[in-house]
Each structure stands twice: as C-alpha cells, then as structure tokens.
C-alpha cells in the first residue's frame, strides 16, 4: 500500500537526494548516555524491502516496514536538494 501510494505520486522512478546514510541501531537510538555504534544504511535497499511487500516476498513485520519507510522518506527530502540517484519500482 505504501509503495503504491509513493508510485502514484512520483511514477515508477523515485528521486533520492541521498542513498547511503548513517544508521543507529534501534537499541541505541534513544540512549543518549552512551555513544552508539553507527552502521551504514542504504535508502535503495530499504525501498527494495518495502517493494517486496507488494509481491508478498518480504518480511511483513510492521516495525521493519516503519523503519524502512522512514529511511526512504529521509532520503526523498524536498527537491530543493540535488537528486543523486533514482530508484525504480
């Protein structure tokens, strides 16, 4: 459903302002008393995970879907920034 909505707004190609980003593991995200161990995330990979939901081949856990959607939304920030990559539905 989320993928279909985004596709209806952008067409089959979704412009990304960024693709790779710093990712903070969920257990460390809200613990401001310690420095988290950062990992690298990729918006295109998060989008692929969401797109697999359309075919029933992905993890249907709502928590994961929410994290992946947040990754994609951050990467598609307003078009005032330069688009560096486009992902295809």
PDB file of N, CA and C in Angstrom:
ATOM      1  N   UNK A   1       0.821  -1.187   0.000  1.00  0.00           N
ATOM      2  CA  UNK A   1       0.000   0.000   0.000  1.00  0.00           C
ATOM      3  C   UNK A   1       0.869   1.256   0.000  1.00  0.00           C
ATOM      4  N   UNK A   2       1.909   1.294   0.836  1.00  0.00           N
ATOM      5  CA  UNK A   2       2.795   2.456   0.873  1.00  0.00           C
ATOM      6  C   UNK A   2       3.516   2.636  -0.447  1.00  0.00           C
ATOM      7  N   UNK A   3       3.993   1.543  -1.008  1.00  0.00           N
ATOM      8  CA  UNK A   3       4.709   1.604  -2.278  1.00  0.00           C
ATOM      9  C   UNK A   3       3.776   2.110  -3.373  1.00  0.00           C
ATOM     10  N   UNK A   4       2.547   1.630  -3.394  1.00  0.00           N
ATOM     11  CA  UNK A   4       1.580   2.068  -4.401  1.00  0.00           C
ATOM     12  C   UNK A   4       1.295   3.561  -4.277  1.00  0.00           C
ATOM     13  N   UNK A   5       1.193   4.063  -3.061  1.00  0.00           N
ATOM     14  CA  UNK A   5       0.944   5.495  -2.859  1.00  0.00           C
ATOM     15  C   UNK A   5       2.116   6.330  -3.374  1.00  0.00           C
ATOM     16  N   UNK A   6       3.333   5.940  -3.022  1.00  0.00           N
ATOM     17  CA  UNK A   6       4.508   6.688  -3.487  1.00  0.00           C
ATOM     18  C   UNK A   6       4.589   6.629  -5.004  1.00  0.00           C
ATOM     19  N   UNK A   7       4.324   5.461  -5.575  1.00  0.00           N
ATOM     20  CA  UNK A   7       4.355   5.319  -7.031  1.00  0.00           C
ATOM     21  C   UNK A   7       3.318   6.222  -7.687  1.00  0.00           C
ATOM     22  N   UNK A   8       2.142   6.378  -7.073  1.00  0.00           N
ATOM     23  CA  UNK A   8       1.111   7.242  -7.654  1.00  0.00           C
ATOM     24  C   UNK A   8       1.531   8.706  -7.653  1.00  0.00           C
ATOM     25  N   UNK A   9       2.405   9.079  -6.729  1.00  0.00           N
ATOM     26  CA  UNK A   9       2.874  10.466  -6.637  1.00  0.00           C
ATOM     27  C   UNK A   9       4.088  10.742  -7.518  1.00  0.00           C
ATOM     28  N   UNK A  10       4.971   9.760  -7.677  1.00  0.00           N
ATOM     29  CA  UNK A  10       6.239  10.002  -8.373  1.00  0.00           C
ATOM     30  C   UNK A  10       6.366   9.259  -9.691  1.00  0.00           C
ATOM     31  N   UNK A  11       5.487   8.282  -9.944  1.00  0.00           N
ATOM     32  CA  UNK A  11       5.688   7.395 -11.077  1.00  0.00           C
ATOM     33  C   UNK A  11       6.605   6.263 -10.655  1.00  0.00           C
ATOM     34  N   UNK A  12       7.096   5.475 -11.619  1.00  0.00           N
ATOM     35  CA  UNK A  12       7.897   4.307 -11.258  1.00  0.00           C
ATOM     36  C   UNK A  12       9.309   4.632 -10.776  1.00  0.00           C
ATOM     37  N   UNK A  13       9.748   5.866 -10.948  1.00  0.00           N
ATOM     38  CA  UNK A  13      11.087   6.259 -10.503  1.00  0.00           C
ATOM     39  C   UNK A  13      10.977   7.255  -9.358  1.00  0.00           C
ATOM     40  N   UNK A  14      11.622   6.939  -8.250  1.00  0.00           N
ATOM     41  CA  UNK A  14      11.568   7.787  -7.055  1.00  0.00           C
ATOM     42  C   UNK A  14      12.918   8.478  -6.889  1.00  0.00           C
ATOM     43  N   UNK A  15      12.950   9.825  -6.979  1.00  0.00           N
ATOM     44  CA  UNK A  15      14.231  10.525  -6.837  1.00  0.00           C
ATOM     45  C   UNK A  15      14.711  10.522  -5.389  1.00  0.00           C
ATOM     46  N   UNK A  16      15.981  10.214  -5.212  1.00  0.00           N
ATOM     47  CA  UNK A  16      16.595  10.231  -3.886  1.00  0.00           C
ATOM     48  C   UNK A  16      17.589  11.378  -3.813  1.00  0.00           C
ATOM     49  N   UNK A  17      17.542  12.136  -2.732  1.00  0.00           N
ATOM     50  CA  UNK A  17      18.547  13.176  -2.508  1.00  0.00           C
ATOM     51  C   UNK A  17      19.850  12.534  -2.044  1.00  0.00           C
ATOM     52  N   UNK A  18      19.739  11.448  -1.309  1.00  0.00           N
ATOM     53  CA  UNK A  18      20.895  10.686  -0.826  1.00  0.00           C
ATOM     54  C   UNK A  18      20.538   9.206  -0.912  1.00  0.00           C
ATOM     55  N   UNK A  19      21.537   8.353  -0.920  1.00  0.00           N
ATOM     56  CA  UNK A  19      21.275   6.919  -0.900  1.00  0.00           C
ATOM     57  C   UNK A  19      21.842   6.302   0.374  1.00  0.00           C
ATOM     58  N   UNK A  20      23.118   6.527   0.650  1.00  0.00           N
ATOM     59  CA  UNK A  20      23.744   5.970   1.853  1.00  0.00           C
ATOM     60  C   UNK A  20      23.635   6.958   3.010  1.00  0.00           C
ATOM     61  N   UNK A  21      23.476   6.433   4.212  1.00  0.00           N
ATOM     62  CA  UNK A  21      23.309   7.280   5.392  1.00  0.00           C
ATOM     63  C   UNK A  21      23.813   6.537   6.622  1.00  0.00           C
ATOM     64  N   UNK A  22      24.066   7.305   7.681  1.00  0.00           N
ATOM     65  CA  UNK A  22      24.421   6.696   8.968  1.00  0.00           C
ATOM     66  C   UNK A  22      23.162   6.123   9.583  1.00  0.00           C
ATOM     67  N   UNK A  23      23.276   4.932  10.099  1.00  0.00           N
ATOM     68  CA  UNK A  23      22.159   4.264  10.748  1.00  0.00           C
ATOM     69  C   UNK A  23      22.531   3.963  12.197  1.00  0.00           C
ATOM     70  N   UNK A  24      21.616   4.257  13.097  1.00  0.00           N
ATOM     71  CA  UNK A  24      21.825   3.985  14.521  1.00  0.00           C
ATOM     72  C   UNK A  24      20.965   2.776  14.890  1.00  0.00           C
ATOM     73  N   UNK A  25      21.565   1.711  15.411  1.00  0.00           N
ATOM     74  CA  UNK A  25      20.783   0.543  15.815  1.00  0.00           C
ATOM     75  C   UNK A  25      19.666   0.937  16.792  1.00  0.00           C
ATOM     76  N   UNK A  26      18.508   0.314  16.635  1.00  0.00           N
ATOM     77  CA  UNK A  26      17.339   0.656  17.428  1.00  0.00           C
ATOM     78  C   UNK A  26      17.565   0.687  18.925  1.00  0.00           C
ATOM     79  N   UNK A  27      18.353  -0.252  19.439  1.00  0.00           N
ATOM     80  CA  UNK A  27      18.572  -0.309  20.886  1.00  0.00           C
ATOM     81  C   UNK A  27      19.347   0.901  21.390  1.00  0.00           C
ATOM     82  N   UNK A  28      20.114   1.542  20.514  1.00  0.00           N
ATOM     83  CA  UNK A  28      20.925   2.699  20.909  1.00  0.00           C
ATOM     84  C   UNK A  28      20.287   4.036  20.551  1.00  0.00           C
ATOM     85  N   UNK A  29      19.225   4.010  19.793  1.00  0.00           N
ATOM     86  CA  UNK A  29      18.650   5.228  19.234  1.00  0.00           C
ATOM     87  C   UNK A  29      18.248   6.258  20.283  1.00  0.00           C
ATOM     88  N   UNK A  30      17.726   5.828  21.396  1.00  0.00           N
ATOM     89  CA  UNK A  30      17.229   6.765  22.400  1.00  0.00           C
ATOM     90  C   UNK A  30      18.018   6.736  23.703  1.00  0.00           C
ATOM     91  N   UNK A  31      19.149   6.074  23.709  1.00  0.00           N
ATOM     92  CA  UNK A  31      20.001   6.055  24.896  1.00  0.00           C
ATOM     93  C   UNK A  31      21.091   7.108  24.716  1.00  0.00           C
ATOM     94  N   UNK A  32      20.806   8.330  25.160  1.00  0.00           N
ATOM     95  CA  UNK A  32      21.730   9.450  24.937  1.00  0.00           C
ATOM     96  C   UNK A  32      22.897   9.450  25.917  1.00  0.00           C
ATOM     97  N   UNK A  33      22.919   8.493  26.831  1.00  0.00           N
ATOM     98  CA  UNK A  33      24.020   8.417  27.799  1.00  0.00           C
ATOM     99  C   UNK A  33      25.262   7.758  27.223  1.00  0.00           C
ATOM    100  N   UNK A  34      25.135   7.098  26.098  1.00  0.00           N
ATOM    101  CA  UNK A  34      26.306   6.443  25.501  1.00  0.00           C
ATOM    102  C   UNK A  34      26.375   6.774  24.014  1.00  0.00           C
ATOM    103  N   UNK A  35      27.546   6.635  23.462  1.00  0.00           N
ATOM    104  CA  UNK A  35      27.731   6.864  22.025  1.00  0.00           C
ATOM    105  C   UNK A  35      27.356   5.589  21.276  1.00  0.00           C
ATOM    106  N   UNK A  36      26.463   5.693  20.304  1.00  0.00           N
ATOM    107  CA  UNK A  36      26.042   4.492  19.583  1.00  0.00           C
ATOM    108  C   UNK A  36      27.097   4.042  18.583  1.00  0.00           C
ATOM    109  N   UNK A  37      27.051   2.772  18.246  1.00  0.00           N
ATOM    110  CA  UNK A  37      27.886   2.260  17.165  1.00  0.00           C
ATOM    111  C   UNK A  37      27.104   2.470  15.874  1.00  0.00           C
ATOM    112  N   UNK A  38      27.653   3.288  14.989  1.00  0.00           N
ATOM    113  CA  UNK A  38      26.960   3.600  13.748  1.00  0.00           C
ATOM    114  C   UNK A  38      27.197   2.518  12.702  1.00  0.00           C
ATOM    115  N   UNK A  39      26.181   2.278  11.904  1.00  0.00           N
ATOM    116  CA  UNK A  39      26.311   1.405  10.749  1.00  0.00           C
ATOM    117  C   UNK A  39      25.900   2.223   9.525  1.00  0.00           C
ATOM    118  N   UNK A  40      26.073   1.670   8.356  1.00  0.00           N
ATOM    119  CA  UNK A  40      25.693   2.365   7.129  1.00  0.00           C
ATOM    120  C   UNK A  40      24.418   1.735   6.597  1.00  0.00           C
ATOM    121  N   UNK A  41      23.431   2.592   6.320  1.00  0.00           N
ATOM    122  CA  UNK A  41      22.192   2.144   5.713  1.00  0.00           C
ATOM    123  C   UNK A  41      22.125   2.625   4.275  1.00  0.00           C
ATOM    124  N   UNK A  42      21.195   2.061   3.501  1.00  0.00           N
ATOM    125  CA  UNK A  42      21.028   2.456   2.108  1.00  0.00           C
ATOM    126  C   UNK A  42      19.541   2.584   1.812  1.00  0.00           C
ATOM    127  N   UNK A  43      19.140   3.770   1.370  1.00  0.00           N
ATOM    128  CA  UNK A  43      17.733   4.031   1.087  1.00  0.00           C
ATOM    129  C   UNK A  43      17.204   3.117  -0.017  1.00  0.00           C
ATOM    130  N   UNK A  44      18.007   2.871  -1.040  1.00  0.00           N
ATOM    131  CA  UNK A  44      17.559   1.993  -2.126  1.00  0.00           C
ATOM    132  C   UNK A  44      17.278   0.581  -1.609  1.00  0.00           C
ATOM    133  N   UNK A  45      18.087   0.113  -0.677  1.00  0.00           N
ATOM    134  CA  UNK A  45      17.855  -1.212  -0.092  1.00  0.00           C
ATOM    135  C   UNK A  45      16.571  -1.210   0.741  1.00  0.00           C
ATOM    136  N   UNK A  46      16.359  -0.138   1.502  1.00  0.00           N
ATOM    137  CA  UNK A  46      15.125  -0.033   2.290  1.00  0.00           C
ATOM    138  C   UNK A  46      13.914  -0.008   1.364  1.00  0.00           C
ATOM    139  N   UNK A  47      14.038   0.713   0.234  1.00  0.00           N
ATOM    140  CA  UNK A  47      12.946   0.764  -0.735  1.00  0.00           C
ATOM    141  C   UNK A  47      12.683  -0.628  -1.309  1.00  0.00           C
ATOM    142  N   UNK A  48      13.739  -1.353  -1.648  1.00  0.00           N
ATOM    143  CA  UNK A  48      13.569  -2.711  -2.170  1.00  0.00           C
ATOM    144  C   UNK A  48      12.843  -3.596  -1.161  1.00  0.00           C
ATOM    145  N   UNK A  49      13.166  -3.434   0.115  1.00  0.00           N
ATOM    146  CA  UNK A  49      12.484  -4.206   1.159  1.00  0.00           C
ATOM    147  C   UNK A  49      10.995  -3.885   1.184  1.00  0.00           C
ATOM    148  N   UNK A  50      10.651  -2.601   1.056  1.00  0.00           N
ATOM    149  CA  UNK A  50       9.240  -2.212   1.018  1.00  0.00           C
ATOM    150  C   UNK A  50       8.560  -2.739  -0.245  1.00  0.00           C
ATOM    151  N   UNK A  51       9.251  -2.641  -1.365  1.00  0.00           N
ATOM    152  CA  UNK A  51       8.669  -3.075  -2.639  1.00  0.00           C
ATOM    153  C   UNK A  51       8.368  -4.572  -2.633  1.00  0.00           C
ATOM    154  N   UNK A  52       9.188  -5.360  -1.940  1.00  0.00           N
ATOM    155  CA  UNK A  52       8.935  -6.805  -1.855  1.00  0.00           C
ATOM    156  C   UNK A  52       7.610  -7.096  -1.153  1.00  0.00           C
ATOM    157  N   UNK A  53       7.134  -6.164  -0.347  1.00  0.00           N
ATOM    158  CA  UNK A  53       5.849  -6.363   0.329  1.00  0.00           C
ATOM    159  C   UNK A  53       4.716  -6.483  -0.692  1.00  0.00           C
ATOM    160  N   UNK A  54       4.869  -5.792  -1.818  1.00  0.00           N
ATOM    161  CA  UNK A  54       3.831  -5.834  -2.855  1.00  0.00           C
ATOM    162  C   UNK A  54       3.644  -7.239  -3.401  1.00  0.00           C
ATOM    163  N   UNK A  55       4.723  -7.998  -3.459  1.00  0.00           N
ATOM    164  CA  UNK A  55       4.657  -9.340  -4.028  1.00  0.00           C
ATOM    165  C   UNK A  55       4.491 -10.411  -2.960  1.00  0.00           C
ATOM    166  N   UNK A  56       4.490  -9.993  -1.694  1.00  0.00           N
ATOM    167  CA  UNK A  56       4.350 -10.951  -0.609  1.00  0.00           C
ATOM    168  C   UNK A  56       5.627 -11.705  -0.295  1.00  0.00           C
ATOM    169  N   UNK A  57       6.761 -11.214  -0.793  1.00  0.00           N
ATOM    170  CA  UNK A  57       8.034 -11.907  -0.591  1.00  0.00           C
ATOM    171  C   UNK A  57       8.893 -11.291   0.499  1.00  0.00           C
ATOM    172  N   UNK A  58       8.389 -10.289   1.200  1.00  0.00           N
ATOM    173  CA  UNK A  58       9.206  -9.618   2.207  1.00  0.00           C
ATOM    174  C   UNK A  58       8.756  -9.940   3.615  1.00  0.00           C
ATOM    175  N   UNK A  59       9.454  -9.373   4.565  1.00  0.00           N
ATOM    176  CA  UNK A  59       9.107  -9.503   5.978  1.00  0.00           C
ATOM    177  C   UNK A  59       7.929  -8.575   6.245  1.00  0.00           C
ATOM    178  N   UNK A  60       6.809  -9.117   6.670  1.00  0.00           N
ATOM    179  CA  UNK A  60       5.609  -8.305   6.842  1.00  0.00           C
ATOM    180  C   UNK A  60       5.518  -7.657   8.220  1.00  0.00           C
ATOM    181  N   UNK A  61       6.589  -7.708   8.989  1.00  0.00           N
ATOM    182  CA  UNK A  61       6.584  -7.118  10.317  1.00  0.00           C
ATOM    183  C   UNK A  61       6.450  -5.606  10.211  1.00  0.00           C
ATOM    184  N   UNK A  62       5.443  -5.051  10.856  1.00  0.00           N
ATOM    185  CA  UNK A  62       5.168  -3.621  10.773  1.00  0.00           C
ATOM    186  C   UNK A  62       6.343  -2.780  11.250  1.00  0.00           C
ATOM    187  N   UNK A  63       7.046  -3.236  12.271  1.00  0.00           N
ATOM    188  CA  UNK A  63       8.179  -2.472  12.797  1.00  0.00           C
ATOM    189  C   UNK A  63       9.235  -2.285  11.716  1.00  0.00           C
ATOM    190  N   UNK A  64       9.587  -3.343  11.013  1.00  0.00           N
ATOM    191  CA  UNK A  64      10.584  -3.233   9.944  1.00  0.00           C
ATOM    192  C   UNK A  64      10.081  -2.313   8.842  1.00  0.00           C
ATOM    193  N   UNK A  65       8.814  -2.465   8.467  1.00  0.00           N
ATOM    194  CA  UNK A  65       8.253  -1.609   7.423  1.00  0.00           C
ATOM    195  C   UNK A  65       8.344  -0.144   7.811  1.00  0.00           C
ATOM    196  N   UNK A  66       8.097   0.166   9.060  1.00  0.00           N
ATOM    197  CA  UNK A  66       8.170   1.552   9.532  1.00  0.00           C
ATOM    198  C   UNK A  66       9.587   2.096   9.448  1.00  0.00           C
ATOM    199  N   UNK A  67      10.557   1.287   9.818  1.00  0.00           N
ATOM    200  CA  UNK A  67      11.963   1.702   9.752  1.00  0.00           C
ATOM    201  C   UNK A  67      12.364   1.933   8.303  1.00  0.00           C
ATOM    202  N   UNK A  68      12.003   1.005   7.419  1.00  0.00           N
ATOM    203  CA  UNK A  68      12.367   1.149   6.007  1.00  0.00           C
ATOM    204  C   UNK A  68      11.692   2.369   5.392  1.00  0.00           C
ATOM    205  N   UNK A  69      10.426   2.598   5.730  1.00  0.00           N
ATOM    206  CA  UNK A  69       9.729   3.766   5.198  1.00  0.00           C
ATOM    207  C   UNK A  69      10.392   5.052   5.677  1.00  0.00           C
ATOM    208  N   UNK A  70      10.771   5.102   6.943  1.00  0.00           N
ATOM    209  CA  UNK A  70      11.458   6.291   7.473  1.00  0.00           C
ATOM    210  C   UNK A  70      12.764   6.534   6.728  1.00  0.00           C
ATOM    211  N   UNK A  71      13.507   5.471   6.426  1.00  0.00           N
ATOM    212  CA  UNK A  71      14.750   5.607   5.658  1.00  0.00           C
ATOM    213  C   UNK A  71      14.477   6.253   4.305  1.00  0.00           C
ATOM    214  N   UNK A  72      13.459   5.762   3.613  1.00  0.00           N
ATOM    215  CA  UNK A  72      13.134   6.274   2.277  1.00  0.00           C
ATOM    216  C   UNK A  72      12.646   7.716   2.355  1.00  0.00           C
ATOM    217  N   UNK A  73      11.800   8.026   3.320  1.00  0.00           N
ATOM    218  CA  UNK A  73      11.287   9.393   3.443  1.00  0.00           C
ATOM    219  C   UNK A  73      12.406  10.384   3.725  1.00  0.00           C
ATOM    220  N   UNK A  74      13.363   9.998   4.555  1.00  0.00           N
ATOM    221  CA  UNK A  74      14.503  10.891   4.815  1.00  0.00           C
ATOM    222  C   UNK A  74      15.323  11.108   3.549  1.00  0.00           C
ATOM    223  N   UNK A  75      15.440  10.080   2.728  1.00  0.00           N
ATOM    224  CA  UNK A  75      16.254  10.173   1.513  1.00  0.00           C
ATOM    225  C   UNK A  75      15.552  10.925   0.386  1.00  0.00           C
ATOM    226  N   UNK A  76      14.242  11.086   0.489  1.00  0.00           N
ATOM    227  CA  UNK A  76      13.493  11.803  -0.546  1.00  0.00           C
ATOM    228  C   UNK A  76      13.084  13.181  -0.061  1.00  0.00           C
ATOM    229  N   UNK A  77      13.947  13.783   0.739  1.00  0.00           N
ATOM    230  CA  UNK A  77      13.630  15.105   1.284  1.00  0.00           C
ATOM    231  C   UNK A  77      13.300  16.064   0.145  1.00  0.00           C
ATOM    232  N   UNK A  78      12.755  17.227   0.468  1.00  0.00           N
ATOM    233  CA  UNK A  78      12.267  18.142  -0.577  1.00  0.00           C
ATOM    234  C   UNK A  78      13.257  18.317  -1.727  1.00  0.00           C
ATOM    235  N   UNK A  79      12.708  18.505  -2.892  1.00  0.00           N
ATOM    236  CA  UNK A  79      13.529  18.571  -4.093  1.00  0.00           C
ATOM    237  C   UNK A  79      14.379  19.828  -4.185  1.00  0.00           C
ATOM    238  N   UNK A  80      14.476  20.581  -3.100  1.00  0.00           N
ATOM    239  CA  UNK A  80      15.398  21.706  -3.082  1.00  0.00           C
ATOM    240  C   UNK A  80      16.826  21.200  -3.048  1.00  0.00           C
ATOM    241  N   UNK A  81      17.000  19.948  -2.640  1.00  0.00           N
ATOM    242  CA  UNK A  81      18.335  19.363  -2.663  1.00  0.00           C
ATOM    243  C   UNK A  81      18.522  18.632  -3.994  1.00  0.00           C
ATOM    244  N   UNK A  82      19.748  18.396  -4.321  1.00  0.00           N
ATOM    245  CA  UNK A  82      20.052  17.721  -5.584  1.00  0.00           C
ATOM    246  C   UNK A  82      19.711  16.242  -5.509  1.00  0.00           C
ATOM    247  N   UNK A  83      19.119  15.736  -6.563  1.00  0.00           N
ATOM    248  CA  UNK A  83      18.851  14.308  -6.662  1.00  0.00           C
ATOM    249  C   UNK A  83      20.113  13.621  -7.161  1.00  0.00           C
ATOM    250  N   UNK A  84      20.556  12.625  -6.437  1.00  0.00           N
ATOM    251  CA  UNK A  84      21.778  11.913  -6.811  1.00  0.00           C
ATOM    252  C   UNK A  84      21.494  10.544  -7.401  1.00  0.00           C
ATOM    253  N   UNK A  85      20.358   9.976  -7.079  1.00  0.00           N
ATOM    254  CA  UNK A  85      20.043   8.633  -7.553  1.00  0.00           C
ATOM    255  C   UNK A  85      18.537   8.508  -7.677  1.00  0.00           C
ATOM    256  N   UNK A  86      18.094   7.675  -8.576  1.00  0.00           N
ATOM    257  CA  UNK A  86      16.677   7.385  -8.737  1.00  0.00           C
ATOM    258  C   UNK A  86      16.494   5.891  -8.546  1.00  0.00           C
ATOM    259  N   UNK A  87      15.476   5.512  -7.769  1.00  0.00           N
ATOM    260  CA  UNK A  87      15.170   4.095  -7.611  1.00  0.00           C
ATOM    261  C   UNK A  87      13.939   3.779  -8.441  1.00  0.00           C
ATOM    262  N   UNK A  88      13.882   2.601  -8.988  1.00  0.00           N
ATOM    263  CA  UNK A  88      12.800   2.200  -9.879  1.00  0.00           C
ATOM    264  C   UNK A  88      11.893   1.204  -9.169  1.00  0.00           C
ATOM    265  N   UNK A  89      10.600   1.400  -9.341  1.00  0.00           N
ATOM    266  CA  UNK A  89       9.622   0.496  -8.719  1.00  0.00           C
ATOM    267  C   UNK A  89       9.510  -0.798  -9.487  1.00  0.00           C
TER     268      UNK A  89
END
